[in-house]
C-alpha cells in the first residue's frame, strides 16, 4: 500500500467516486469541479491509497485559497467491499503529520439532513468515517443546527432601539474577547482554551475575513439610544451564498432580547444585497441562539457534525 497526493490523471476516478458515494460526503460532482478551480480543493490537499497502481481510497480536504494547509475533511471514499477504516485513518494521518504544529487544528465536517440518524445507510456511512477520524485523534464531537431564511419567510422587524455602525479590526478583536466570556459556542470555547482570549479573538477576525467571501464593510457594532455598546453583527457570504457569519451580545447586556435585534439587522443587510437565501449554524447547546433564529423566521433544515481534536 502506498499513499500519495492526487494528480490530474486521477480525475476520472475521483469524479466517479464523488458521484457514486454521496452518503456522508459533502462534495457533489459540481462542487468538486468548482472547488478545484477556485482553490478550495487542491491536489496537494487530496490523498489516495494506491495498490499496484490502482486507487483504493481517497480523502478530499477543503481549505481557503492562498493558505498553506487545508481546514477540514470534506469527503472520504473507498473502492471495494473491505474495511475502509484503516485506509481512511492512514489518509487523515498523512495530512496531519505535515501540518505545522502552530497551524490551525484540523476538523472534519459532515453536512447532514435533519433526521439523518434514523436513516440506516447514512448513519452507517457516518459511523465508519467517525471511526477513522477518531483513530487519527479527532474525537471531540460538536453538533450544530443549520438554519435557512428565504424572502418568502418575510423580513423580521428591524430594530428601533439599536443603531449599527462600522468599526475597525482592532475594535472587533476587543469585541470578540468580550463576548467570548460565557459564550455557549463550542468552537469559541475551544479556541479560547487553546490560544487564550486575545489570540483567539485575533484568529477569529482573520478567519472571518479569509474563510468567508462577504464584504468586510458589512460588519457592524450595535449601540443603544444612550450610545452604549451592546454587541456586534457579521453578515457575510461563503461559496454557497449569504450567511450569518457571527453575532454576539456583551455579557452585561444579555437577557434583554438584543440578539433578535442584531439578527434582524444581519437579515436586512443581506436581503438588501439580493440574497435569495441566508444560512446560519449554531450549536445544539446554544438554545438562546436557536430560539432567536426561529423567532427571526429561520427554518432548521439540516445538521452540521464537527469532529475535532479534544481540548488539552
Protein backbone atom coordinates (compact mmCIF):
# COMPACT_ATOMS: atom_id res chain seq x y z
CA UNK A 1 0.00 0.00 0.00
CA UNK A 2 1.29 3.47 -0.86
CA UNK A 3 -0.10 6.96 -0.16
CA UNK A 4 0.32 9.90 -2.50
CA UNK A 5 -1.34 13.17 -3.50
CA UNK A 6 -3.85 13.14 -6.31
CA UNK A 7 -2.86 14.33 -9.78
CA UNK A 8 -4.75 15.40 -12.90
CA UNK A 9 -4.62 11.86 -14.27
CA UNK A 10 -6.76 10.70 -11.31
CA UNK A 11 -9.71 12.97 -12.12
CA UNK A 12 -11.82 10.38 -13.93
CA UNK A 13 -11.56 8.03 -10.94
CA UNK A 14 -12.19 10.86 -8.46
CA UNK A 15 -15.24 12.07 -10.37
CA UNK A 16 -16.66 8.54 -10.36
CA UNK A 17 -16.12 8.10 -6.61
CA UNK A 18 -17.62 11.51 -5.80
CA UNK A 19 -20.67 10.82 -7.95
CA UNK A 20 -21.24 7.26 -6.72
CA UNK A 21 -20.59 7.77 -2.98
CA UNK A 22 -22.58 10.82 -1.83
CA UNK A 23 -23.56 9.44 1.60
CA UNK A 24 -21.81 11.33 4.43
CA UNK A 25 -19.61 13.18 1.93
CA UNK A 26 -20.03 16.90 1.27
CA UNK A 27 -18.90 17.09 -2.34
CA UNK A 28 -21.20 16.78 -5.31
CA UNK A 29 -19.57 16.42 -8.70
CA UNK A 30 -20.29 20.09 -9.47
CA UNK A 31 -18.92 21.20 -6.10
CA UNK A 32 -15.76 19.16 -6.62
CA UNK A 33 -15.10 20.63 -10.05
CA UNK A 34 -15.87 24.20 -8.95
CA UNK A 35 -13.78 23.90 -5.77
CA UNK A 36 -10.80 22.52 -7.65
CA UNK A 37 -10.91 25.58 -9.92
CA UNK A 38 -11.41 28.06 -7.03
CA UNK A 39 -8.62 26.57 -4.92
CA UNK A 40 -10.81 25.32 -2.08
CA UNK A 41 -9.77 21.83 -3.18
CA UNK A 42 -6.21 21.16 -4.33
CA UNK A 43 -4.34 18.08 -5.46
CA UNK A 44 -1.75 18.73 -2.75
CA UNK A 45 -4.59 18.61 -0.20
CA UNK A 46 -6.11 15.36 -1.51
CA UNK A 47 -4.64 11.94 -0.87
CA UNK A 48 -5.15 8.41 -2.19
CA UNK A 49 -4.24 4.93 -1.03
CA UNK A 50 -2.95 3.02 -4.02
CA UNK A 51 -2.19 -0.67 -4.54
CA UNK A 52 -0.46 -1.90 -7.69
CA UNK A 53 -1.24 1.39 -9.38
CA UNK A 54 -4.97 1.23 -8.58
CA UNK A 55 -6.69 3.75 -6.25
CA UNK A 56 -8.29 2.06 -3.24
CA UNK A 57 -9.26 5.04 -1.07
CA UNK A 58 -9.48 8.82 -1.35
CA UNK A 59 -9.54 11.71 1.13
CA UNK A 60 -10.57 15.20 -0.04
CA UNK A 61 -9.80 18.20 2.19
CA UNK A 62 -11.30 21.69 1.98
CA UNK A 63 -9.33 24.86 2.60
CA UNK A 64 -9.03 28.57 1.93
CA UNK A 65 -7.32 29.67 -1.31
CA UNK A 66 -3.92 31.12 -0.56
CA UNK A 67 -3.44 29.29 2.74
CA UNK A 68 -0.77 26.63 3.21
CA UNK A 69 -2.83 23.84 4.79
CA UNK A 70 -6.50 22.83 4.42
CA UNK A 71 -9.04 23.34 7.21
CA UNK A 72 -11.34 20.31 7.17
CA UNK A 73 -12.03 16.93 5.61
CA UNK A 74 -14.81 17.18 3.04
CA UNK A 75 -15.08 13.55 1.97
CA UNK A 76 -13.70 10.01 2.35
CA UNK A 77 -14.16 7.44 -0.43
CA UNK A 78 -13.34 3.73 -0.77
CA UNK A 79 -13.18 1.14 -3.54
CA UNK A 80 -14.29 -2.43 -2.83
CA UNK A 81 -16.07 -4.31 -0.06
CA UNK A 82 -13.36 -4.44 2.62
CA UNK A 83 -13.00 -2.39 5.80
CA UNK A 84 -12.26 1.22 4.75
CA UNK A 85 -11.35 2.45 8.23
CA UNK A 86 -7.61 1.60 8.22
CA UNK A 87 -7.10 3.23 4.82
CA UNK A 88 -9.08 6.33 5.78
CA UNK A 89 -7.20 6.65 9.06
CA UNK A 90 -3.89 6.48 7.21
CA UNK A 91 -5.05 9.16 4.77
CA UNK A 92 -6.13 11.51 7.57
CA UNK A 93 -2.87 10.97 9.43
CA UNK A 94 -0.91 11.67 6.23
CA UNK A 95 -2.27 15.21 6.14
CA UNK A 96 -1.97 15.73 9.88
CA UNK A 97 1.69 14.74 10.03
CA UNK A 98 2.72 17.52 7.64
CA UNK A 99 0.59 20.18 9.32
CA UNK A 100 2.65 22.80 11.23
CA UNK A 101 2.42 22.40 14.99
CA UNK A 102 1.27 26.00 15.36
CA UNK A 103 -1.20 25.81 12.47
CA UNK A 104 -5.00 25.82 12.57
CA UNK A 105 -6.20 22.48 14.05
CA UNK A 106 -7.85 20.18 11.54
CA UNK A 107 -11.56 19.34 11.65
CA UNK A 108 -13.98 17.02 9.88
CA UNK A 109 -17.37 18.45 8.88
CA UNK A 110 -20.43 16.38 7.95
CA UNK A 111 -23.34 18.24 6.34
CA UNK A 112 -26.37 16.09 7.10
CA UNK A 113 -30.13 16.28 6.64
CA UNK A 114 -32.28 16.63 9.75
CA UNK A 115 -33.23 13.16 10.97
CA UNK A 116 -30.15 11.56 9.42
CA UNK A 117 -29.69 9.24 12.40
CA UNK A 118 -32.96 7.46 11.52
CA UNK A 119 -31.64 6.59 8.05
CA UNK A 120 -29.55 3.39 8.44
CA UNK A 121 -27.46 3.87 5.30
CA UNK A 122 -26.49 7.44 6.20
CA UNK A 123 -25.89 6.63 9.87
CA UNK A 124 -23.69 3.69 8.90
CA UNK A 125 -21.66 5.81 6.48
CA UNK A 126 -21.12 8.47 9.14
CA UNK A 127 -20.16 5.89 11.77
CA UNK A 128 -17.41 4.37 9.61
CA UNK A 129 -15.91 7.79 8.92
CA UNK A 130 -16.11 8.76 12.58
CA UNK A 131 -14.16 5.63 13.49
CA UNK A 132 -11.40 6.59 11.07
CA UNK A 133 -11.33 10.18 12.34
CA UNK A 134 -11.26 9.06 15.98
CA UNK A 135 -8.33 6.72 15.27
CA UNK A 136 -6.46 9.76 13.90
CA UNK A 137 -7.27 11.82 17.04
CA UNK A 138 -10.41 13.74 16.00
CA UNK A 139 -12.52 12.55 18.94
CA UNK A 140 -14.40 15.71 20.04
CA UNK A 141 -17.93 15.91 18.58
CA UNK A 142 -19.96 19.10 18.17
CA UNK A 143 -23.37 19.02 16.51
CA UNK A 144 -24.64 22.27 15.04
CA UNK A 145 -28.15 23.11 13.89
CA UNK A 146 -28.27 24.60 10.39
CA UNK A 147 -30.88 27.29 9.68
CA UNK A 148 -32.12 28.94 6.50
CA UNK A 149 -34.08 32.13 5.75
CA UNK A 150 -35.73 32.88 2.40
CA UNK A 151 -37.56 36.02 1.26
CA UNK A 152 -40.88 34.15 1.36
CA UNK A 153 -40.37 33.78 5.13
CA UNK A 154 -40.72 37.55 5.49
CA UNK A 155 -38.25 40.00 6.98
CA UNK A 156 -38.15 40.28 10.77
CA UNK A 157 -38.91 43.70 12.21
CA UNK A 158 -35.83 45.89 12.09
CA UNK A 159 -34.60 47.20 15.43
CA UNK A 160 -35.86 50.58 16.63
CA UNK A 161 -33.76 50.57 19.81
CA UNK A 162 -30.31 49.87 18.36
CA UNK A 163 -28.23 51.68 15.78
CA UNK A 164 -25.48 49.98 13.81
CA UNK A 165 -22.10 51.45 12.87
CA UNK A 166 -18.90 50.11 11.26
CA UNK A 167 -15.74 49.52 13.33
CA UNK A 168 -12.10 48.68 12.62
CA UNK A 169 -10.38 45.33 13.06
CA UNK A 170 -8.85 46.15 16.45
CA UNK A 171 -12.26 47.08 17.80
CA UNK A 172 -13.63 43.75 16.60
CA UNK A 173 -10.73 41.91 18.28
CA UNK A 174 -11.69 43.57 21.56
CA UNK A 175 -15.35 42.75 20.98
CA UNK A 176 -14.63 39.08 20.27
CA UNK A 177 -12.65 38.91 23.51
CA UNK A 178 -15.52 40.41 25.49
CA UNK A 179 -18.33 38.28 24.02
CA UNK A 180 -16.29 35.06 24.45
CA UNK A 181 -16.94 35.34 28.20
CA UNK A 182 -19.70 32.84 28.96
CA UNK A 183 -20.20 32.02 25.28
CA UNK A 184 -22.30 28.91 24.55
CA UNK A 185 -20.48 28.41 21.22
CA UNK A 186 -18.29 25.30 21.48
CA UNK A 187 -15.72 26.38 18.90
CA UNK A 188 -15.26 29.72 20.67
CA UNK A 189 -14.67 27.94 23.97
CA UNK A 190 -12.16 25.56 22.35
CA UNK A 191 -10.26 28.42 20.71
CA UNK A 192 -10.03 30.39 23.96
CA UNK A 193 -8.80 27.29 25.81
CA UNK A 194 -6.24 26.63 23.07
CA UNK A 195 -4.92 30.14 22.46
CA UNK A 196 -6.11 32.46 25.21
CA UNK A 197 -8.78 35.12 24.78
CA UNK A 198 -6.81 37.73 22.81
CA UNK A 199 -5.09 35.34 20.39
CA UNK A 200 -8.37 33.51 19.81
CA UNK A 201 -10.09 36.83 19.07
CA UNK A 202 -7.41 37.83 16.57
CA UNK A 203 -7.70 34.46 14.88
CA UNK A 204 -11.49 34.85 14.66
CA UNK A 205 -11.21 38.26 12.97
CA UNK A 206 -8.67 36.90 10.49
CA UNK A 207 -10.74 33.78 9.76
CA UNK A 208 -13.93 35.74 9.09
CA UNK A 209 -12.01 37.83 6.57
CA UNK A 210 -10.23 34.92 4.85
CA UNK A 211 -12.55 31.91 5.09
CA UNK A 212 -15.65 33.88 4.11
CA UNK A 213 -16.05 35.95 0.96
CA UNK A 214 -18.50 38.59 2.17
CA UNK A 215 -17.74 42.30 2.15
CA UNK A 216 -15.80 43.41 5.25
CA UNK A 217 -17.71 46.72 5.04
CA UNK A 218 -20.87 44.88 6.15
CA UNK A 219 -19.57 44.29 9.70
CA UNK A 220 -21.32 46.37 12.37
CA UNK A 221 -21.25 47.32 16.05
CA UNK A 222 -24.62 47.75 17.79
CA UNK A 223 -25.31 50.70 20.14
CA UNK A 224 -28.38 51.59 22.19
CA UNK A 225 -30.04 55.00 22.31
CA UNK A 226 -27.62 56.15 25.04
CA UNK A 227 -24.61 55.19 22.96
CA UNK A 228 -23.74 52.10 24.98
CA UNK A 229 -22.04 49.33 23.02
CA UNK A 230 -24.38 46.32 23.06
CA UNK A 231 -22.94 43.78 20.62
CA UNK A 232 -21.90 43.18 17.03
CA UNK A 233 -23.01 41.68 13.73
CA UNK A 234 -21.00 39.99 10.97
CA UNK A 235 -23.16 39.41 7.88
CA UNK A 236 -21.11 37.59 5.25
CA UNK A 237 -21.05 35.03 2.43
CA UNK A 238 -19.40 31.71 1.77
CA UNK A 239 -19.15 29.85 -1.53
CA UNK A 240 -22.74 28.68 -1.09
CA UNK A 241 -24.18 32.17 -0.62
CA UNK A 242 -25.06 34.66 2.15
CA UNK A 243 -24.56 33.56 5.77
CA UNK A 244 -24.96 34.85 9.30
CA UNK A 245 -21.23 34.87 9.98
CA UNK A 246 -21.33 35.74 13.69
CA UNK A 247 -23.27 37.83 16.14
CA UNK A 248 -22.75 38.49 19.80
CA UNK A 249 -24.11 40.43 22.76
CA UNK A 250 -21.83 41.69 25.53
CA UNK A 251 -22.28 39.71 28.79
CA UNK A 252 -23.65 42.69 30.72
CA UNK A 253 -26.43 43.21 28.16
CA UNK A 254 -27.59 39.62 27.73
CA UNK A 255 -31.12 38.65 28.65
CA UNK A 256 -32.80 41.71 27.08
CA UNK A 257 -33.59 40.29 23.64
CA UNK A 258 -30.86 42.21 21.82
CA UNK A 259 -29.93 39.02 19.99
CA UNK A 260 -33.18 39.40 18.00
CA UNK A 261 -32.33 43.00 17.05
CA UNK A 262 -28.86 42.06 15.83
CA UNK A 263 -30.06 39.03 13.88
CA UNK A 264 -32.78 41.16 12.26
CA UNK A 265 -30.16 43.70 11.18
CA UNK A 266 -28.00 40.97 9.63
CA UNK A 267 -31.03 39.60 7.79
CA UNK A 268 -31.97 43.02 6.42
CA UNK A 269 -28.41 43.85 5.37
CA UNK A 270 -28.05 40.59 3.46
CA UNK A 271 -31.55 40.85 1.97
CA UNK A 272 -30.61 44.29 0.66
CA UNK A 273 -27.77 42.66 -1.32
CA UNK A 274 -30.36 40.49 -3.10
CA UNK A 275 -29.93 37.35 -1.01
CA UNK A 276 -32.26 34.58 -2.17
CA UNK A 277 -31.47 32.64 0.99
CA UNK A 278 -29.42 33.16 4.15
CA UNK A 279 -27.92 30.28 6.10
CA UNK A 280 -26.59 30.02 9.63
CA UNK A 281 -25.31 27.48 12.16
CA UNK A 282 -25.47 27.27 15.94
CA UNK A 283 -24.50 24.57 18.43
CA UNK A 284 -27.20 22.23 19.75
CA UNK A 285 -26.41 23.55 23.22
CA UNK A 286 -26.83 27.21 22.29
CA UNK A 287 -30.56 27.30 22.97
CA UNK A 288 -30.88 31.13 23.07
CA UNK A 289 -29.39 31.43 19.58
CA UNK A 290 -31.55 28.61 18.21
CA UNK A 291 -34.69 30.26 19.57
CA UNK A 292 -33.60 33.62 18.12
CA UNK A 293 -33.28 32.06 14.66
CA UNK A 294 -36.76 30.58 14.96
CA UNK A 295 -38.25 33.91 16.10
CA UNK A 296 -36.46 35.61 13.21
CA UNK A 297 -38.12 33.39 10.61
CA UNK A 298 -35.24 30.96 10.06
CA UNK A 299 -36.03 27.28 9.49
CA UNK A 300 -33.89 24.40 10.79
CA UNK A 301 -33.17 22.29 7.71
CA UNK A 302 -30.03 20.29 8.49
CA UNK A 303 -27.24 19.39 10.92
CA UNK A 304 -23.51 20.03 10.77
CA UNK A 305 -21.47 17.48 12.75
CA UNK A 306 -17.94 18.69 13.50
CA UNK A 307 -15.16 16.35 14.63
CA UNK A 308 -12.09 17.98 16.12
CA UNK A 309 -9.18 17.40 18.46
CA UNK A 310 -10.24 17.44 22.13
CA UNK A 311 -9.24 20.31 24.37
CA UNK A 312 -6.00 19.65 26.21
